Amino acid sequence: MLALKLHGPQTATALGKRLAITGEAVRQQLVRLAEEGLATSWSEAKGVGRPSQFWGLTAAGHAEFPDTHAELTVQLLRTIRQTLGEDAIDRLIAAREDETRQNYRAAMVEKESLRERVDVLVRLRSQEGYMAACEDPGDGTLLFVENHCPICAAATNCQGFCRAELSVFRAVLGPGVEVERAEHILAGARRCAYVVKSADRAA
């Protein structure tokens, strides 16, 4: 399940190579996950030849990964909204954003290159449960990836959390850096991904 979470839909053969076990052994595990409602498969044609069978996690499969205190968080947000109003939610998110921004900036002191700062961000976000990574597409940009969202329930209930996180990334990576969200879990993607590039390259 972790391999599907981190790397997205794959064939049993590809998963076997990644895990250094046989494709048949992987297929047996995938069938078991499918029987439990945690994985699903579909055929996909790529070029000439027989279609390949791909496997991916279902919504229930994604839910197996921790969503920090999901039910309690949603209840608290609902109570705050009902008793104190939407402005109180906005203030809560702003306070969290400010604290996060300060903590991240402190961790990036003396990190001069963009790649160094992104690597620090990967470490910090992974410590917070986001399964973060940095990919290099080879076009001069970086792809900052979060394979899991431990606050997904809260973010679904109030997307201000997502806006605040993007704002934090832009602030801590520097004024000469552009950060754009390319994939979004709440929009149906399997992960959140951000294209990171220096402003002079974007010009």
N, C-alpha and C. Protein backbone atom coordinates (compact mmCIF):
# COMPACT_ATOMS: atom_id res chain seq x y z
N MET A 1 0.83 -1.21 0.00
CA MET A 1 0.00 0.00 0.00
C MET A 1 0.86 1.25 0.00
N LEU A 2 1.97 1.20 0.75
CA LEU A 2 2.84 2.38 0.82
C LEU A 2 3.42 2.71 -0.55
N ALA A 3 3.80 1.67 -1.32
CA ALA A 3 4.36 1.92 -2.65
C ALA A 3 3.32 2.57 -3.57
N LEU A 4 2.07 2.13 -3.49
CA LEU A 4 1.02 2.75 -4.29
C LEU A 4 0.75 4.17 -3.83
N LYS A 5 0.84 4.41 -2.53
CA LYS A 5 0.62 5.75 -2.00
C LYS A 5 1.71 6.70 -2.46
N LEU A 6 2.96 6.23 -2.41
CA LEU A 6 4.09 7.10 -2.74
C LEU A 6 4.28 7.29 -4.24
N HIS A 7 3.98 6.23 -5.03
CA HIS A 7 4.32 6.29 -6.45
C HIS A 7 3.12 6.26 -7.38
N GLY A 8 1.93 6.13 -6.83
CA GLY A 8 0.74 6.16 -7.67
C GLY A 8 0.47 4.84 -8.36
N PRO A 9 -0.56 4.80 -9.23
CA PRO A 9 -0.97 3.57 -9.90
C PRO A 9 0.18 2.94 -10.70
N GLN A 10 0.30 1.63 -10.60
CA GLN A 10 1.35 0.89 -11.29
C GLN A 10 0.86 -0.50 -11.63
N THR A 11 1.60 -1.18 -12.50
CA THR A 11 1.31 -2.58 -12.77
C THR A 11 1.94 -3.43 -11.68
N ALA A 12 1.48 -4.67 -11.57
CA ALA A 12 2.05 -5.58 -10.58
C ALA A 12 3.52 -5.83 -10.88
N THR A 13 3.86 -5.92 -12.16
CA THR A 13 5.25 -6.15 -12.55
C THR A 13 6.14 -5.00 -12.11
N ALA A 14 5.68 -3.76 -12.35
CA ALA A 14 6.46 -2.59 -11.96
C ALA A 14 6.61 -2.52 -10.44
N LEU A 15 5.54 -2.84 -9.73
CA LEU A 15 5.62 -2.85 -8.27
C LEU A 15 6.59 -3.92 -7.78
N GLY A 16 6.58 -5.09 -8.45
CA GLY A 16 7.49 -6.16 -8.07
C GLY A 16 8.94 -5.74 -8.21
N LYS A 17 9.26 -5.07 -9.31
CA LYS A 17 10.63 -4.59 -9.52
C LYS A 17 11.00 -3.57 -8.46
N ARG A 18 10.07 -2.70 -8.13
CA ARG A 18 10.35 -1.66 -7.12
C ARG A 18 10.58 -2.29 -5.74
N LEU A 19 9.84 -3.37 -5.45
CA LEU A 19 9.93 -4.00 -4.13
C LEU A 19 10.88 -5.19 -4.10
N ALA A 20 11.46 -5.51 -5.27
CA ALA A 20 12.41 -6.63 -5.39
C ALA A 20 11.76 -7.97 -5.05
N ILE A 21 10.50 -8.15 -5.48
CA ILE A 21 9.83 -9.43 -5.35
C ILE A 21 9.14 -9.73 -6.67
N THR A 22 8.60 -10.93 -6.82
CA THR A 22 8.00 -11.30 -8.10
C THR A 22 6.69 -10.57 -8.33
N GLY A 23 6.37 -10.39 -9.61
CA GLY A 23 5.11 -9.75 -9.95
C GLY A 23 3.92 -10.56 -9.47
N GLU A 24 4.06 -11.89 -9.48
CA GLU A 24 2.96 -12.75 -9.03
C GLU A 24 2.71 -12.58 -7.53
N ALA A 25 3.78 -12.45 -6.76
CA ALA A 25 3.62 -12.23 -5.32
C ALA A 25 2.93 -10.91 -5.05
N VAL A 26 3.30 -9.89 -5.82
CA VAL A 26 2.66 -8.59 -5.68
C VAL A 26 1.19 -8.69 -6.06
N ARG A 27 0.92 -9.40 -7.16
CA ARG A 27 -0.46 -9.53 -7.64
C ARG A 27 -1.35 -10.18 -6.58
N GLN A 28 -0.83 -11.18 -5.90
CA GLN A 28 -1.61 -11.84 -4.84
C GLN A 28 -1.96 -10.86 -3.73
N GLN A 29 -0.99 -10.02 -3.36
CA GLN A 29 -1.25 -9.02 -2.33
C GLN A 29 -2.26 -7.98 -2.80
N LEU A 30 -2.16 -7.60 -4.07
CA LEU A 30 -3.07 -6.61 -4.62
C LEU A 30 -4.50 -7.15 -4.67
N VAL A 31 -4.64 -8.42 -5.04
CA VAL A 31 -5.96 -9.04 -5.07
C VAL A 31 -6.56 -9.04 -3.66
N ARG A 32 -5.72 -9.34 -2.66
CA ARG A 32 -6.21 -9.32 -1.28
C ARG A 32 -6.66 -7.92 -0.88
N LEU A 33 -5.88 -6.91 -1.26
CA LEU A 33 -6.26 -5.53 -0.96
C LEU A 33 -7.56 -5.16 -1.66
N ALA A 34 -7.72 -5.64 -2.90
CA ALA A 34 -8.95 -5.36 -3.65
C ALA A 34 -10.16 -6.00 -2.97
N GLU A 35 -9.98 -7.22 -2.46
CA GLU A 35 -11.07 -7.91 -1.77
C GLU A 35 -11.48 -7.15 -0.50
N GLU A 36 -10.52 -6.44 0.09
CA GLU A 36 -10.80 -5.65 1.29
C GLU A 36 -11.27 -4.24 0.96
N GLY A 37 -11.37 -3.95 -0.35
CA GLY A 37 -11.85 -2.64 -0.77
C GLY A 37 -10.81 -1.54 -0.70
N LEU A 38 -9.53 -1.92 -0.55
CA LEU A 38 -8.47 -0.93 -0.39
C LEU A 38 -7.75 -0.59 -1.68
N ALA A 39 -7.90 -1.46 -2.69
CA ALA A 39 -7.24 -1.23 -3.99
C ALA A 39 -8.20 -1.59 -5.11
N THR A 40 -7.92 -1.09 -6.28
CA THR A 40 -8.74 -1.40 -7.45
C THR A 40 -7.84 -1.51 -8.67
N SER A 41 -8.31 -2.17 -9.70
CA SER A 41 -7.50 -2.35 -10.90
C SER A 41 -8.30 -1.96 -12.14
N TRP A 42 -7.58 -1.64 -13.20
CA TRP A 42 -8.20 -1.31 -14.47
C TRP A 42 -7.20 -1.57 -15.59
N SER A 43 -7.72 -1.77 -16.79
CA SER A 43 -6.86 -2.00 -17.96
C SER A 43 -6.58 -0.69 -18.66
N GLU A 44 -5.35 -0.55 -19.12
CA GLU A 44 -4.95 0.68 -19.78
C GLU A 44 -4.05 0.33 -20.96
N ALA A 45 -4.45 0.74 -22.16
CA ALA A 45 -3.66 0.46 -23.36
C ALA A 45 -2.59 1.53 -23.55
N LYS A 46 -1.36 1.07 -23.73
CA LYS A 46 -0.25 1.99 -24.01
C LYS A 46 0.54 1.43 -25.18
N GLY A 47 0.31 2.01 -26.35
CA GLY A 47 1.01 1.55 -27.54
C GLY A 47 0.43 0.25 -28.06
N VAL A 48 1.24 -0.47 -28.81
CA VAL A 48 0.81 -1.72 -29.44
C VAL A 48 0.89 -2.85 -28.42
N GLY A 49 -0.03 -3.79 -28.52
CA GLY A 49 -0.01 -4.94 -27.63
C GLY A 49 -1.19 -4.96 -26.68
N ARG A 50 -1.16 -5.95 -25.83
CA ARG A 50 -2.27 -6.12 -24.87
C ARG A 50 -2.28 -4.99 -23.86
N PRO A 51 -3.47 -4.59 -23.43
CA PRO A 51 -3.55 -3.56 -22.38
C PRO A 51 -2.90 -4.05 -21.09
N SER A 52 -2.34 -3.13 -20.34
CA SER A 52 -1.72 -3.46 -19.06
C SER A 52 -2.73 -3.26 -17.93
N GLN A 53 -2.61 -4.09 -16.92
CA GLN A 53 -3.49 -3.96 -15.75
C GLN A 53 -2.80 -3.09 -14.70
N PHE A 54 -3.40 -1.96 -14.40
CA PHE A 54 -2.85 -1.05 -13.40
C PHE A 54 -3.61 -1.19 -12.09
N TRP A 55 -2.90 -0.95 -11.00
CA TRP A 55 -3.49 -1.01 -9.68
C TRP A 55 -3.30 0.32 -8.96
N GLY A 56 -4.31 0.71 -8.20
CA GLY A 56 -4.22 1.94 -7.43
C GLY A 56 -5.06 1.83 -6.17
N LEU A 57 -4.85 2.74 -5.25
CA LEU A 57 -5.60 2.74 -4.00
C LEU A 57 -7.00 3.32 -4.20
N THR A 58 -7.96 2.77 -3.50
CA THR A 58 -9.31 3.35 -3.46
C THR A 58 -9.32 4.45 -2.39
N ALA A 59 -10.46 5.13 -2.28
CA ALA A 59 -10.59 6.14 -1.23
C ALA A 59 -10.39 5.51 0.15
N ALA A 60 -10.89 4.27 0.30
CA ALA A 60 -10.70 3.56 1.58
C ALA A 60 -9.23 3.25 1.81
N GLY A 61 -8.52 2.95 0.73
CA GLY A 61 -7.09 2.68 0.85
C GLY A 61 -6.32 3.91 1.28
N HIS A 62 -6.63 5.05 0.67
CA HIS A 62 -5.99 6.30 1.08
C HIS A 62 -6.31 6.62 2.54
N ALA A 63 -7.51 6.26 2.97
CA ALA A 63 -7.94 6.57 4.33
C ALA A 63 -7.19 5.74 5.37
N GLU A 64 -6.49 4.67 4.93
CA GLU A 64 -5.71 3.86 5.86
C GLU A 64 -4.50 4.62 6.39
N PHE A 65 -4.10 5.67 5.66
CA PHE A 65 -2.97 6.47 6.12
C PHE A 65 -3.49 7.55 7.06
N PRO A 66 -2.69 7.90 8.08
CA PRO A 66 -3.22 8.75 9.16
C PRO A 66 -3.67 10.13 8.72
N ASP A 67 -4.85 10.50 9.16
CA ASP A 67 -5.38 11.86 9.00
C ASP A 67 -5.53 12.39 10.42
N THR A 68 -4.59 13.22 10.83
CA THR A 68 -4.41 13.57 12.23
C THR A 68 -5.69 14.03 12.91
N HIS A 69 -6.20 13.20 13.83
CA HIS A 69 -7.36 13.55 14.65
C HIS A 69 -8.50 14.10 13.78
N ALA A 70 -8.79 13.42 12.68
CA ALA A 70 -9.71 13.94 11.67
C ALA A 70 -11.07 14.32 12.23
N GLU A 71 -11.72 13.37 12.90
CA GLU A 71 -13.09 13.63 13.36
C GLU A 71 -13.14 14.77 14.37
N LEU A 72 -12.20 14.76 15.32
CA LEU A 72 -12.17 15.82 16.32
C LEU A 72 -11.92 17.18 15.68
N THR A 73 -11.00 17.22 14.72
CA THR A 73 -10.67 18.48 14.06
C THR A 73 -11.88 19.05 13.35
N VAL A 74 -12.59 18.21 12.61
CA VAL A 74 -13.76 18.67 11.88
C VAL A 74 -14.84 19.16 12.85
N GLN A 75 -15.02 18.45 13.95
CA GLN A 75 -16.02 18.87 14.94
C GLN A 75 -15.66 20.23 15.54
N LEU A 76 -14.37 20.43 15.84
CA LEU A 76 -13.94 21.71 16.39
C LEU A 76 -14.15 22.84 15.40
N LEU A 77 -13.82 22.60 14.14
CA LEU A 77 -14.02 23.62 13.11
C LEU A 77 -15.49 23.97 12.98
N ARG A 78 -16.33 22.94 13.01
CA ARG A 78 -17.77 23.17 12.88
C ARG A 78 -18.29 23.99 14.06
N THR A 79 -17.82 23.66 15.26
CA THR A 79 -18.25 24.37 16.47
C THR A 79 -17.80 25.83 16.44
N ILE A 80 -16.54 26.04 16.05
CA ILE A 80 -16.02 27.42 15.96
C ILE A 80 -16.82 28.23 14.95
N ARG A 81 -17.10 27.61 13.81
CA ARG A 81 -17.85 28.31 12.76
C ARG A 81 -19.26 28.67 13.25
N GLN A 82 -19.90 27.74 13.94
CA GLN A 82 -21.28 27.97 14.39
C GLN A 82 -21.37 28.97 15.53
N THR A 83 -20.39 28.97 16.42
CA THR A 83 -20.47 29.81 17.62
C THR A 83 -19.76 31.15 17.46
N LEU A 84 -18.66 31.17 16.72
CA LEU A 84 -17.86 32.39 16.61
C LEU A 84 -17.85 33.00 15.21
N GLY A 85 -18.33 32.24 14.22
CA GLY A 85 -18.40 32.77 12.87
C GLY A 85 -17.18 32.45 12.02
N GLU A 86 -17.33 32.72 10.72
CA GLU A 86 -16.27 32.40 9.76
C GLU A 86 -15.00 33.21 10.02
N ASP A 87 -15.15 34.42 10.55
CA ASP A 87 -13.97 35.24 10.84
C ASP A 87 -13.04 34.56 11.84
N ALA A 88 -13.62 33.84 12.78
CA ALA A 88 -12.81 33.13 13.77
C ALA A 88 -11.98 32.03 13.11
N ILE A 89 -12.58 31.35 12.14
CA ILE A 89 -11.85 30.33 11.38
C ILE A 89 -10.69 30.98 10.64
N ASP A 90 -10.95 32.11 10.01
CA ASP A 90 -9.90 32.82 9.27
C ASP A 90 -8.76 33.22 10.19
N ARG A 91 -9.08 33.68 11.40
CA ARG A 91 -8.04 34.08 12.35
C ARG A 91 -7.23 32.87 12.81
N LEU A 92 -7.91 31.76 13.00
CA LEU A 92 -7.24 30.53 13.39
C LEU A 92 -6.24 30.09 12.32
N ILE A 93 -6.69 30.10 11.07
CA ILE A 93 -5.82 29.70 9.97
C ILE A 93 -4.65 30.66 9.82
N ALA A 94 -4.91 31.97 9.98
CA ALA A 94 -3.86 32.97 9.86
C ALA A 94 -2.80 32.79 10.95
N ALA A 95 -3.24 32.47 12.16
CA ALA A 95 -2.30 32.25 13.26
C ALA A 95 -1.44 31.02 13.00
N ARG A 96 -2.07 29.96 12.51
CA ARG A 96 -1.32 28.74 12.18
C ARG A 96 -0.34 29.02 11.05
N GLU A 97 -0.77 29.78 10.05
CA GLU A 97 0.09 30.13 8.93
C GLU A 97 1.31 30.91 9.40
N ASP A 98 1.09 31.88 10.28
CA ASP A 98 2.19 32.71 10.77
C ASP A 98 3.20 31.88 11.57
N GLU A 99 2.71 31.01 12.42
CA GLU A 99 3.60 30.17 13.23
C GLU A 99 4.41 29.22 12.34
N THR A 100 3.73 28.61 11.36
CA THR A 100 4.41 27.69 10.45
C THR A 100 5.48 28.41 9.64
N ARG A 101 5.13 29.59 9.15
CA ARG A 101 6.09 30.37 8.35
C ARG A 101 7.34 30.69 9.17
N GLN A 102 7.17 31.09 10.42
CA GLN A 102 8.31 31.42 11.27
C GLN A 102 9.18 30.19 11.53
N ASN A 103 8.55 29.06 11.80
CA ASN A 103 9.30 27.83 12.07
C ASN A 103 10.09 27.38 10.84
N TYR A 104 9.46 27.45 9.67
CA TYR A 104 10.14 27.02 8.45
C TYR A 104 11.31 27.95 8.13
N ARG A 105 11.09 29.25 8.27
CA ARG A 105 12.16 30.20 7.99
C ARG A 105 13.35 29.98 8.90
N ALA A 106 13.08 29.70 10.17
CA ALA A 106 14.17 29.45 11.12
C ALA A 106 14.98 28.23 10.71
N ALA A 107 14.32 27.24 10.15
CA ALA A 107 15.01 26.02 9.73
C ALA A 107 15.81 26.21 8.45
N MET A 108 15.50 27.28 7.71
CA MET A 108 16.16 27.52 6.42
C MET A 108 17.27 28.57 6.50
N VAL A 109 17.58 29.01 7.70
CA VAL A 109 18.66 29.99 7.87
C VAL A 109 19.95 29.42 7.28
N GLU A 110 20.65 30.23 6.49
CA GLU A 110 21.91 29.88 5.85
C GLU A 110 21.74 28.90 4.69
N LYS A 111 20.52 28.58 4.31
CA LYS A 111 20.29 27.75 3.13
C LYS A 111 20.15 28.68 1.93
N GLU A 112 21.22 28.84 1.16
CA GLU A 112 21.24 29.86 0.12
C GLU A 112 20.59 29.41 -1.19
N SER A 113 20.78 28.16 -1.57
CA SER A 113 20.25 27.72 -2.86
C SER A 113 18.79 27.31 -2.73
N LEU A 114 18.07 27.41 -3.84
CA LEU A 114 16.66 27.01 -3.86
C LEU A 114 16.52 25.54 -3.54
N ARG A 115 17.39 24.70 -4.09
CA ARG A 115 17.30 23.26 -3.84
C ARG A 115 17.49 22.96 -2.36
N GLU A 116 18.41 23.67 -1.71
CA GLU A 116 18.62 23.45 -0.28
C GLU A 116 17.37 23.79 0.52
N ARG A 117 16.72 24.89 0.15
CA ARG A 117 15.52 25.30 0.88
C ARG A 117 14.38 24.31 0.64
N VAL A 118 14.25 23.84 -0.59
CA VAL A 118 13.21 22.84 -0.88
C VAL A 118 13.49 21.55 -0.12
N ASP A 119 14.76 21.15 -0.04
CA ASP A 119 15.11 19.93 0.70
C ASP A 119 14.75 20.07 2.18
N VAL A 120 14.95 21.27 2.74
CA VAL A 120 14.55 21.50 4.13
C VAL A 120 13.03 21.39 4.26
N LEU A 121 12.32 21.96 3.28
CA LEU A 121 10.86 21.89 3.30
C LEU A 121 10.39 20.44 3.22
N VAL A 122 11.05 19.64 2.40
CA VAL A 122 10.72 18.21 2.30
C VAL A 122 10.88 17.54 3.67
N ARG A 123 11.99 17.83 4.33
CA ARG A 123 12.24 17.21 5.65
C ARG A 123 11.18 17.64 6.67
N LEU A 124 10.89 18.93 6.72
CA LEU A 124 9.91 19.44 7.69
C LEU A 124 8.52 18.87 7.44
N ARG A 125 8.11 18.86 6.18
CA ARG A 125 6.77 18.37 5.87
C ARG A 125 6.67 16.86 6.09
N SER A 126 7.74 16.13 5.82
CA SER A 126 7.73 14.69 6.06
C SER A 126 7.61 14.41 7.55
N GLN A 127 8.28 15.21 8.36
CA GLN A 127 8.16 15.05 9.81
C GLN A 127 6.73 15.30 10.28
N GLU A 128 5.99 16.11 9.54
CA GLU A 128 4.61 16.42 9.89
C GLU A 128 3.62 15.42 9.28
N GLY A 129 4.13 14.42 8.55
CA GLY A 129 3.27 13.36 8.04
C GLY A 129 2.82 13.50 6.60
N TYR A 130 3.45 14.40 5.83
CA TYR A 130 2.99 14.64 4.46
C TYR A 130 3.66 13.74 3.42
N MET A 131 4.61 12.89 3.83
CA MET A 131 5.32 12.02 2.88
C MET A 131 5.86 12.84 1.71
N ALA A 132 6.58 13.89 2.04
CA ALA A 132 7.04 14.85 1.02
C ALA A 132 8.27 14.34 0.27
N ALA A 133 8.46 14.87 -0.93
CA ALA A 133 9.62 14.53 -1.75
C ALA A 133 9.86 15.67 -2.72
N CYS A 134 11.05 15.68 -3.29
CA CYS A 134 11.39 16.66 -4.32
C CYS A 134 11.82 15.92 -5.57
N GLU A 135 11.18 16.21 -6.68
CA GLU A 135 11.53 15.60 -7.96
C GLU A 135 12.14 16.65 -8.87
N ASP A 136 13.09 16.23 -9.69
CA ASP A 136 13.75 17.12 -10.64
C ASP A 136 13.37 16.72 -12.05
N PRO A 137 12.43 17.44 -12.68
CA PRO A 137 11.99 17.09 -14.04
C PRO A 137 13.06 17.29 -15.10
N GLY A 138 14.14 18.00 -14.76
CA GLY A 138 15.21 18.24 -15.71
C GLY A 138 14.99 19.43 -16.62
N ASP A 139 14.00 20.26 -16.30
CA ASP A 139 13.73 21.44 -17.13
C ASP A 139 14.05 22.74 -16.40
N GLY A 140 14.83 22.62 -15.32
CA GLY A 140 15.19 23.82 -14.57
C GLY A 140 14.23 24.14 -13.44
N THR A 141 13.16 23.38 -13.33
CA THR A 141 12.21 23.56 -12.22
C THR A 141 12.38 22.41 -11.24
N LEU A 142 11.74 22.54 -10.09
CA LEU A 142 11.67 21.46 -9.12
C LEU A 142 10.20 21.15 -8.87
N LEU A 143 9.90 19.91 -8.59
CA LEU A 143 8.53 19.51 -8.27
C LEU A 143 8.50 19.06 -6.81
N PHE A 144 7.89 19.90 -5.97
CA PHE A 144 7.73 19.58 -4.55
C PHE A 144 6.43 18.80 -4.40
N VAL A 145 6.54 17.60 -3.84
CA VAL A 145 5.42 16.66 -3.81
C VAL A 145 5.05 16.29 -2.38
N GLU A 146 3.75 16.22 -2.11
CA GLU A 146 3.25 15.69 -0.85
C GLU A 146 2.33 14.52 -1.17
N ASN A 147 2.78 13.30 -0.85
CA ASN A 147 2.02 12.11 -1.20
C ASN A 147 0.88 11.80 -0.25
N HIS A 148 0.82 12.52 0.85
CA HIS A 148 -0.25 12.30 1.83
C HIS A 148 -0.60 13.62 2.50
N CYS A 149 -1.86 13.76 2.90
CA CYS A 149 -2.29 14.96 3.62
C CYS A 149 -2.85 14.54 4.97
N PRO A 150 -2.08 14.74 6.06
CA PRO A 150 -2.55 14.32 7.38
C PRO A 150 -3.65 15.21 7.95
N ILE A 151 -3.96 16.31 7.26
CA ILE A 151 -5.07 17.17 7.72
C ILE A 151 -6.16 17.24 6.65
N CYS A 152 -6.29 16.15 5.88
CA CYS A 152 -7.21 16.17 4.74
C CYS A 152 -8.65 16.46 5.16
N ALA A 153 -9.08 15.89 6.28
CA ALA A 153 -10.46 16.12 6.73
C ALA A 153 -10.68 17.59 7.04
N ALA A 154 -9.70 18.21 7.71
CA ALA A 154 -9.82 19.64 8.02
C ALA A 154 -9.79 20.48 6.76
N ALA A 155 -8.89 20.12 5.83
CA ALA A 155 -8.76 20.89 4.59
C ALA A 155 -10.01 20.76 3.73
N THR A 156 -10.64 19.58 3.75
CA THR A 156 -11.88 19.39 3.01
C THR A 156 -12.98 20.26 3.60
N ASN A 157 -13.01 20.36 4.91
CA ASN A 157 -14.01 21.16 5.61
C ASN A 157 -13.77 22.65 5.46
N CYS A 158 -12.49 23.02 5.30
CA CYS A 158 -12.14 24.44 5.19
C CYS A 158 -10.89 24.57 4.32
N GLN A 159 -11.08 24.94 3.06
CA GLN A 159 -9.96 24.97 2.14
C GLN A 159 -9.01 26.14 2.38
N GLY A 160 -9.33 26.96 3.38
CA GLY A 160 -8.40 28.01 3.76
C GLY A 160 -7.06 27.44 4.20
N PHE A 161 -7.06 26.19 4.72
CA PHE A 161 -5.81 25.55 5.11
C PHE A 161 -4.90 25.36 3.90
N CYS A 162 -5.48 24.97 2.77
CA CYS A 162 -4.69 24.77 1.56
C CYS A 162 -4.13 26.09 1.03
N ARG A 163 -4.95 27.13 1.05
CA ARG A 163 -4.48 28.45 0.60
C ARG A 163 -3.35 28.94 1.50
N ALA A 164 -3.48 28.71 2.80
CA ALA A 164 -2.45 29.16 3.74
C ALA A 164 -1.14 28.41 3.51
N GLU A 165 -1.22 27.12 3.25
CA GLU A 165 0.00 26.35 3.04
C GLU A 165 0.73 26.81 1.79
N LEU A 166 0.00 27.08 0.72
CA LEU A 166 0.64 27.59 -0.49
C LEU A 166 1.29 28.94 -0.22
N SER A 167 0.63 29.77 0.56
CA SER A 167 1.19 31.07 0.93
C SER A 167 2.49 30.90 1.72
N VAL A 168 2.52 29.93 2.63
CA VAL A 168 3.72 29.66 3.42
C VAL A 168 4.86 29.22 2.52
N PHE A 169 4.58 28.31 1.59
CA PHE A 169 5.63 27.82 0.69
C PHE A 169 6.24 28.98 -0.09
N ARG A 170 5.38 29.85 -0.61
CA ARG A 170 5.87 30.99 -1.39
C ARG A 170 6.72 31.92 -0.53
N ALA A 171 6.31 32.11 0.71
CA ALA A 171 7.03 33.03 1.59
C ALA A 171 8.39 32.50 1.98
N VAL A 172 8.47 31.23 2.35
CA VAL A 172 9.73 30.71 2.89
C VAL A 172 10.74 30.35 1.81
N LEU A 173 10.28 30.08 0.59
CA LEU A 173 11.22 29.74 -0.47
C LEU A 173 11.85 30.97 -1.10
N GLY A 174 11.30 32.15 -0.80
CA GLY A 174 11.97 33.38 -1.19
C GLY A 174 11.20 34.22 -2.18
N PRO A 175 11.46 35.54 -2.18
CA PRO A 175 10.75 36.46 -3.07
C PRO A 175 11.08 36.26 -4.55
N GLY A 176 12.22 35.64 -4.83
CA GLY A 176 12.59 35.42 -6.22
C GLY A 176 12.18 34.06 -6.74
N VAL A 177 11.21 33.44 -6.07
CA VAL A 177 10.79 32.09 -6.42
C VAL A 177 9.29 32.04 -6.68
N GLU A 178 8.90 31.33 -7.72
CA GLU A 178 7.47 31.13 -8.01
C GLU A 178 7.08 29.71 -7.61
N VAL A 179 5.95 29.59 -6.94
CA VAL A 179 5.42 28.29 -6.53
C VAL A 179 3.98 28.19 -7.00
N GLU A 180 3.68 27.19 -7.82
CA GLU A 180 2.33 27.00 -8.33
C GLU A 180 1.88 25.57 -8.07
N ARG A 181 0.66 25.41 -7.56
CA ARG A 181 0.13 24.07 -7.33
C ARG A 181 -0.25 23.43 -8.67
N ALA A 182 0.28 22.25 -8.94
CA ALA A 182 0.00 21.55 -10.19
C ALA A 182 -0.96 20.38 -9.99
N GLU A 183 -0.97 19.80 -8.80
CA GLU A 183 -1.87 18.70 -8.47
C GLU A 183 -2.42 18.94 -7.07
N HIS A 184 -3.67 18.52 -6.85
CA HIS A 184 -4.33 18.83 -5.57
C HIS A 184 -5.18 17.64 -5.15
N ILE A 185 -4.91 17.11 -3.97
CA ILE A 185 -5.67 15.97 -3.47
C ILE A 185 -7.16 16.28 -3.41
N LEU A 186 -7.51 17.49 -2.98
CA LEU A 186 -8.93 17.84 -2.85
C LEU A 186 -9.62 17.97 -4.20
N ALA A 187 -8.83 18.06 -5.27
CA ALA A 187 -9.41 18.13 -6.62
C ALA A 187 -9.45 16.74 -7.26
N GLY A 188 -9.10 15.72 -6.49
CA GLY A 188 -9.17 14.35 -6.99
C GLY A 188 -7.84 13.73 -7.35
N ALA A 189 -6.75 14.49 -7.25
CA ALA A 189 -5.43 13.94 -7.54
C ALA A 189 -5.00 13.01 -6.41
N ARG A 190 -4.04 12.15 -6.68
CA ARG A 190 -3.57 11.23 -5.64
C ARG A 190 -2.60 11.90 -4.69
N ARG A 191 -2.13 13.10 -5.05
CA ARG A 191 -1.14 13.81 -4.24
C ARG A 191 -1.28 15.30 -4.48
N CYS A 192 -0.59 16.09 -3.67
CA CYS A 192 -0.44 17.52 -3.96
C CYS A 192 0.96 17.73 -4.51
N ALA A 193 1.08 18.50 -5.57
CA ALA A 193 2.39 18.74 -6.17
C ALA A 193 2.49 20.21 -6.56
N TYR A 194 3.68 20.76 -6.38
CA TYR A 194 3.91 22.19 -6.62
C TYR A 194 5.13 22.36 -7.52
N VAL A 195 4.96 23.13 -8.60
CA VAL A 195 6.08 23.46 -9.47
C VAL A 195 6.81 24.65 -8.85
N VAL A 196 8.11 24.48 -8.63
CA VAL A 196 8.92 25.52 -7.99
C VAL A 196 9.99 25.97 -8.97
N LYS A 197 10.06 27.27 -9.21
CA LYS A 197 11.08 27.78 -10.14
C LYS A 197 11.45 29.20 -9.76
N SER A 198 12.68 29.58 -10.11
CA SER A 198 13.12 30.94 -9.83
C SER A 198 12.41 31.89 -10.77
N ALA A 199 12.14 33.10 -10.30
CA ALA A 199 11.37 34.07 -11.07
C ALA A 199 12.08 34.45 -12.36
N ASP A 200 13.41 34.51 -12.35
CA ASP A 200 14.11 34.89 -13.57
C ASP A 200 13.98 33.83 -14.65
N ARG A 201 13.87 32.55 -14.25
CA ARG A 201 13.65 31.49 -15.22
C ARG A 201 12.23 31.56 -15.78
N ALA A 202 11.28 31.99 -14.93
CA ALA A 202 9.88 32.07 -15.37
C ALA A 202 9.67 33.23 -16.32
N ALA A 203 10.54 34.25 -16.26
CA ALA A 203 10.35 35.45 -17.06
C ALA A 203 10.52 35.19 -18.54
